[in-house]
Protein backbone atom coordinates (compact mmCIF):
# COMPACT_ATOMS: atom_id res chain seq x y z
CA MET A 1 0.05 -0.89 -23.77
CA ALA A 2 2.45 -2.41 -21.39
CA ALA A 3 1.93 -2.34 -17.56
CA THR A 4 4.39 0.08 -15.99
CA ARG A 5 5.60 -0.99 -12.44
CA ARG A 6 4.04 2.77 -11.00
CA SER A 7 0.84 1.79 -12.84
CA ILE A 8 0.84 -1.79 -11.51
CA ARG A 9 1.55 0.01 -8.05
CA GLU A 10 -1.11 2.47 -8.48
CA SER A 11 -3.57 -0.17 -9.33
CA ALA A 12 -2.71 -2.64 -6.59
CA PHE A 13 -3.15 0.60 -4.29
CA ILE A 14 -6.88 1.90 -6.12
CA LEU A 15 -7.90 -1.98 -5.48
CA SER A 16 -6.79 -2.16 -2.03
CA PHE A 17 -8.04 0.72 -1.06
CA GLU A 18 -11.26 0.20 -2.36
CA MET A 19 -11.09 -3.19 -0.27
CA LEU A 20 -11.39 -0.91 2.45
CA PHE A 21 -15.02 0.13 1.89
CA ARG A 22 -16.57 -3.18 0.74
CA ASP A 23 -17.37 -6.45 1.88
CA ASP A 24 -17.14 -8.07 -1.71
CA SER A 25 -14.56 -10.79 -1.86
CA ILE A 26 -11.46 -9.94 -4.15
CA ASP A 27 -12.71 -11.56 -7.10
CA GLU A 28 -15.96 -9.42 -7.26
CA ILE A 29 -13.30 -6.61 -6.69
CA PHE A 30 -11.48 -7.54 -9.64
CA GLU A 31 -14.53 -8.10 -11.73
CA ALA A 32 -15.64 -4.42 -10.78
CA ALA A 33 -12.18 -3.13 -11.61
CA ALA A 34 -12.33 -5.30 -14.97
CA ALA A 35 -14.93 -3.10 -16.83
CA LEU A 36 -12.80 0.08 -15.88
CA GLU A 37 -10.66 1.00 -19.00
CA ASP A 38 -8.18 3.15 -17.02
CA MET A 39 -7.12 0.78 -14.54
CA VAL A 40 -4.34 -1.85 -15.10
CA LEU A 41 -5.73 -4.88 -14.22
CA ASN A 42 -2.88 -7.95 -14.55
CA ASP A 43 -1.60 -10.89 -12.85
CA GLU A 44 0.90 -8.65 -10.93
CA VAL A 45 -1.61 -6.31 -9.91
CA LYS A 46 -4.14 -9.22 -8.54
CA ALA A 47 -1.16 -10.88 -6.96
CA LEU A 48 -0.02 -7.58 -5.17
CA VAL A 49 -3.55 -6.95 -4.09
CA GLU A 50 -3.99 -10.81 -2.88
CA GLY A 51 -0.48 -10.43 -0.98
CA ILE A 52 -1.64 -7.04 0.75
CA ASN A 53 -4.89 -8.85 1.52
CA GLU A 54 -3.61 -11.99 3.07
CA LYS A 55 -0.76 -10.04 5.29
CA LYS A 56 -3.08 -6.82 6.46
CA ASP A 57 -3.22 -8.09 10.01
CA GLU A 58 0.36 -8.52 9.78
CA LEU A 59 1.06 -5.07 7.93
CA ASP A 60 -1.25 -3.38 10.65
CA ARG A 61 0.56 -4.55 13.04
CA GLU A 62 3.57 -3.33 11.68
CA ILE A 63 1.86 -0.11 11.69
CA SER A 64 0.39 0.24 14.90
CA ALA A 65 4.01 -0.06 16.26
CA LEU A 66 5.15 2.56 14.14
CA SER A 67 2.03 5.51 14.76
CA ASN A 68 3.01 6.67 18.37
CA LYS A 69 0.06 9.42 17.82
CA ARG A 70 -2.82 7.66 15.76
CA SER A 71 -4.40 4.14 16.72
CA ILE A 72 -4.76 2.16 13.34
CA GLU A 73 -8.51 2.76 13.57
CA ARG A 74 -8.18 6.68 13.36
CA ILE A 75 -6.03 6.38 10.48
CA PRO A 76 -7.34 7.64 7.22
CA ARG A 77 -8.38 5.20 5.04
CA ILE A 78 -6.29 6.31 2.26
CA ASN A 79 -3.20 6.46 4.04
CA LEU A 80 -3.35 3.00 5.48
CA ALA A 81 -3.90 2.09 1.90
CA VAL A 82 -0.58 3.57 1.14
CA LEU A 83 1.49 2.28 4.21
CA ARG A 84 -0.15 -1.38 3.44
CA LEU A 85 1.11 -1.55 0.04
CA ALA A 86 4.46 0.12 0.77
CA ILE A 87 5.51 -2.11 3.97
CA TYR A 88 4.11 -5.26 1.92
CA GLU A 89 6.23 -4.30 -1.07
CA ALA A 90 9.48 -3.61 1.08
CA LEU A 91 8.69 -7.01 3.16
CA TYR A 92 7.81 -9.64 0.73
CA ASP A 93 8.80 -8.46 -2.92
CA ASP A 94 12.65 -8.70 -3.77
CA LYS A 95 12.39 -6.95 -6.85
CA VAL A 96 11.49 -3.68 -4.93
CA PRO A 97 14.18 -2.15 -2.68
CA MET A 98 12.93 -0.38 0.66
CA ASN A 99 13.38 2.84 -1.11
CA VAL A 100 11.68 2.59 -3.82
CA ALA A 101 8.62 1.21 -1.79
CA ILE A 102 8.80 4.12 0.35
CA SER A 103 9.01 6.42 -2.80
CA GLU A 104 6.71 5.51 -4.84
CA ALA A 105 4.22 5.41 -1.51
CA VAL A 106 4.93 8.79 -0.80
CA LYS A 107 4.45 9.80 -4.66
CA LEU A 108 0.81 8.13 -4.24
CA ALA A 109 0.20 9.90 -1.11
CA GLU A 110 1.28 13.23 -2.81
CA LYS A 111 -1.41 12.09 -5.35
CA TYR A 112 -4.36 11.19 -3.55
CA ALA A 113 -4.23 12.17 -0.12
CA PHE A 114 -3.63 15.59 1.78
CA GLU A 115 -0.52 17.66 2.63
CA THR A 116 -0.83 16.68 6.03
CA ASP A 117 -1.14 12.99 5.26
CA VAL A 118 1.95 12.97 2.93
CA SER A 119 3.71 13.74 6.09
CA PHE A 120 2.16 11.12 8.52
CA VAL A 121 3.06 8.41 5.65
CA ASN A 122 6.58 9.71 4.90
CA GLY A 123 7.07 10.01 8.71
CA ILE A 124 5.60 6.13 9.31
CA LEU A 125 7.61 5.14 6.13
CA GLY A 126 10.97 6.65 7.63
CA SER A 127 10.42 4.87 10.98
CA PHE A 128 9.67 1.64 9.29
CA ALA A 129 12.92 1.77 7.19
CA ARG A 130 14.92 2.82 10.11
CA SER A 131 13.69 -0.01 12.45
CA ARG A 132 14.29 -2.22 9.53
CA GLU A 133 18.01 -1.15 9.56
CA LYS A 134 18.44 -1.47 13.22
CA ALA A 135 16.99 -5.29 12.63
CA ASP A 136 19.51 -6.12 9.95
CA GLU A 137 22.12 -5.03 12.02
């Protein structure tokens, strides 16, 4: 079965979310995921997770700057994982247009998070897109 971009993104999201709860190394997370048959674990997934992990401090600063109502510590981990993924893709993956990164992130939030979380994620990512548009002008 060929991995779709959506399945790669979803697997990277799940692994990034998992890393928010565990002190295991990234390789240990990958080893545990390899045992799961319903998860894509290929070089693209690993590269995406590694990139998010390497840039997490920068991503969190970006999220903090966009979140007026909640400090980064108060953002539910599910939302944090979605936001990190979307912002990482928008900033560092030339193959993913910003609107696609945002749309796919909102779909992940709709699938995994509460309804109010979807609105929060969408709002933060909308602010992110507007801030990038202003920076490009």
